[in-house]
Protein backbone atom coordinates (compact mmCIF):
# COMPACT_ATOMS: atom_id res chain seq x y z
CA MET A 1 19.97 233.31 97.50
CA GLY A 2 19.38 234.09 93.84
CA ASP A 3 19.84 231.68 90.96
CA GLU A 4 22.94 233.57 89.75
CA ALA A 5 24.66 233.29 93.13
CA LEU A 6 23.79 229.60 93.36
CA ILE A 7 25.26 228.96 89.90
CA GLN A 8 28.40 230.94 90.78
CA PHE A 9 28.79 228.99 94.04
CA ALA A 10 28.36 225.64 92.26
CA LEU A 11 30.90 226.56 89.55
CA SER A 12 33.40 227.75 92.18
CA ALA A 13 32.99 224.51 94.13
CA ALA A 14 33.48 222.49 90.94
CA ALA A 15 36.63 224.47 90.08
CA VAL A 16 38.09 223.91 93.56
CA ALA A 17 37.27 220.19 93.34
CA ALA A 18 38.97 220.01 89.93
CA LEU A 19 42.13 221.67 91.31
CA ILE A 20 42.20 219.29 94.29
CA ALA A 21 41.82 216.34 91.94
CA LEU A 22 44.62 217.66 89.71
CA ALA A 23 46.94 218.08 92.71
CA ALA A 24 46.16 214.57 93.94
CA TRP A 25 46.67 213.11 90.47
CA ALA A 26 49.97 214.97 89.98
CA LYS A 27 51.11 214.04 93.50
CA ILE A 28 52.29 217.60 94.03
CA ALA A 29 52.19 217.29 97.81
CA ARG A 30 53.96 213.95 98.06
CA PRO A 31 56.26 213.54 101.06
CA VAL A 32 59.96 213.11 100.43
CA GLY A 33 61.37 209.84 101.70
CA PRO A 34 64.34 209.76 104.05
CA LEU A 35 67.88 209.77 102.71
CA ASP A 36 70.06 206.71 102.84
CA ASP A 37 73.72 206.44 101.86
CA ALA A 38 73.03 205.45 98.23
CA ARG A 39 70.44 208.17 97.67
CA ALA A 40 72.65 210.81 99.31
CA ARG A 41 75.58 209.85 97.09
CA ALA A 42 73.33 209.95 94.01
CA LEU A 43 72.08 213.44 94.92
CA LEU A 44 75.65 214.61 95.54
CA ALA A 45 76.79 213.21 92.18
CA GLU A 46 73.90 214.99 90.47
CA GLU A 47 74.45 218.33 92.23
CA PHE A 48 78.27 218.29 92.23
CA PRO A 49 79.39 216.38 89.11
CA GLY A 50 83.07 215.51 89.05
CA ARG A 51 83.50 215.84 92.81
CA SER A 52 84.80 212.81 94.67
CA VAL A 53 83.18 212.13 98.02
CA ASP A 54 85.53 211.03 100.81
CA ALA A 55 82.89 210.29 103.47
CA VAL A 56 79.15 210.79 104.02
CA TRP A 57 77.28 211.30 107.29
CA ILE A 58 73.52 210.76 107.04
CA ALA A 59 71.22 212.50 109.52
CA SER A 60 69.58 209.99 111.85
CA ASP A 61 66.12 211.17 110.74
CA GLY A 62 67.06 210.96 107.05
CA ALA A 63 66.35 214.67 106.54
CA GLY A 64 69.84 215.52 105.33
CA ALA A 65 73.46 214.54 104.94
CA LEU A 66 76.92 216.04 105.10
CA ALA A 67 79.81 214.81 102.97
CA ARG A 68 83.48 215.64 102.79
CA SER A 69 85.00 216.25 99.38
CA GLY A 70 88.60 217.33 99.75
CA GLY A 71 88.61 220.70 101.51
CA MET A 72 84.88 221.24 101.02
CA ALA A 73 81.79 220.04 102.86
CA LEU A 74 78.80 219.15 100.71
CA VAL A 75 75.54 219.64 102.60
CA ILE A 76 72.15 218.19 101.64
CA CYS A 77 69.09 219.21 103.62
CA ARG A 78 65.35 218.86 103.22
CA PHE A 79 63.73 222.08 102.05
CA GLY A 80 60.13 222.25 100.92
CA ASP A 81 59.17 219.11 99.03
CA GLY A 82 62.72 218.17 98.07
CA PHE A 83 66.36 218.53 99.01
CA VAL A 84 68.81 221.37 98.48
CA ALA A 85 72.56 220.96 98.20
CA ARG A 86 75.20 223.52 99.10
CA GLN A 87 78.97 223.47 99.49
CA ILE A 88 80.92 225.21 102.23
CA PRO A 89 84.53 225.01 103.43
CA TRP A 90 85.21 221.89 105.51
CA ALA A 91 86.58 224.01 108.37
CA GLN A 92 83.24 225.84 108.56
CA ALA A 93 81.36 222.54 108.74
CA VAL A 94 83.65 221.19 111.47
CA SER A 95 83.22 224.35 113.56
CA SER A 96 79.41 224.38 113.20
CA SER A 97 77.29 224.45 116.33
CA PHE A 98 76.43 221.01 117.74
CA ARG A 99 73.95 220.82 120.61
CA ASP A 100 71.57 218.10 121.78
CA GLY A 101 72.38 215.85 118.83
CA ARG A 102 71.69 218.53 116.22
CA LEU A 103 74.33 220.05 113.96
CA SER A 104 73.42 223.56 112.80
CA VAL A 105 75.34 224.52 109.66
CA ASP A 106 75.24 228.17 108.54
CA LEU A 107 74.99 228.13 104.74
CA ALA A 108 75.01 231.94 104.31
CA ASP A 109 72.41 231.65 101.57
CA ILE A 110 69.14 233.57 101.46
CA ALA A 111 67.36 230.67 99.74
CA ALA A 112 68.55 228.11 102.35
CA PRO A 113 70.14 229.98 105.27
CA ARG A 114 70.73 227.08 107.66
CA ALA A 115 70.86 223.31 107.56
CA THR A 116 70.05 221.37 110.72
CA LEU A 117 71.13 217.73 110.80
CA SER A 118 70.48 215.15 113.53
CA LEU A 119 73.79 213.39 114.11
CA PRO A 120 75.03 211.24 117.02
CA SER A 121 78.28 213.26 117.38
CA TRP A 122 80.24 216.03 115.67
CA PRO A 123 82.96 216.59 114.49
CA PRO A 124 84.10 213.15 113.39
CA LYS A 125 87.28 212.22 115.24
CA ASN A 126 89.14 210.82 112.21
CA LEU A 127 88.36 213.67 109.74
CA ALA A 128 88.33 216.82 111.90
CA ALA A 129 91.47 218.28 110.30
C-alpha cells in the first residue's frame, strides 16, 4: 500500500470517527420514551391547538395514543425518532380493525399510512357512538 493510499485511509477513518462523535454528542439517535397521559395531552395540545380532548387512550406499550375530540379522533403514533399526529373521523377510528390486542388505524396518509396501537379492548363501550 502506497503512502498516498495510507494517508487517504487515515483521513477517511478520522472523518468517520468525527461524524460518529458528532452524532453521539448531538444525541441524534436517542430513543423516544413511552407516552403517558400527560405527555400525550401535551403533544395533542401542541399539534391541535384549540381542540378540546374528551378522552385519551394510551397504548399499553407507550408507542401511541388515541383521543376523542368531538366528532374527530386524534391519533399519535411513534414514527422514526419521534411521534406523528393525525386526525380522522371518530367513526373511522371506532370501526378500525382490532385483533390480538392491536388496533390498526388507517390514516390514509402517504407519510404515515397506518397507526398500530396496543390496547386492551376496542371500541370503548361508553364512547362508541
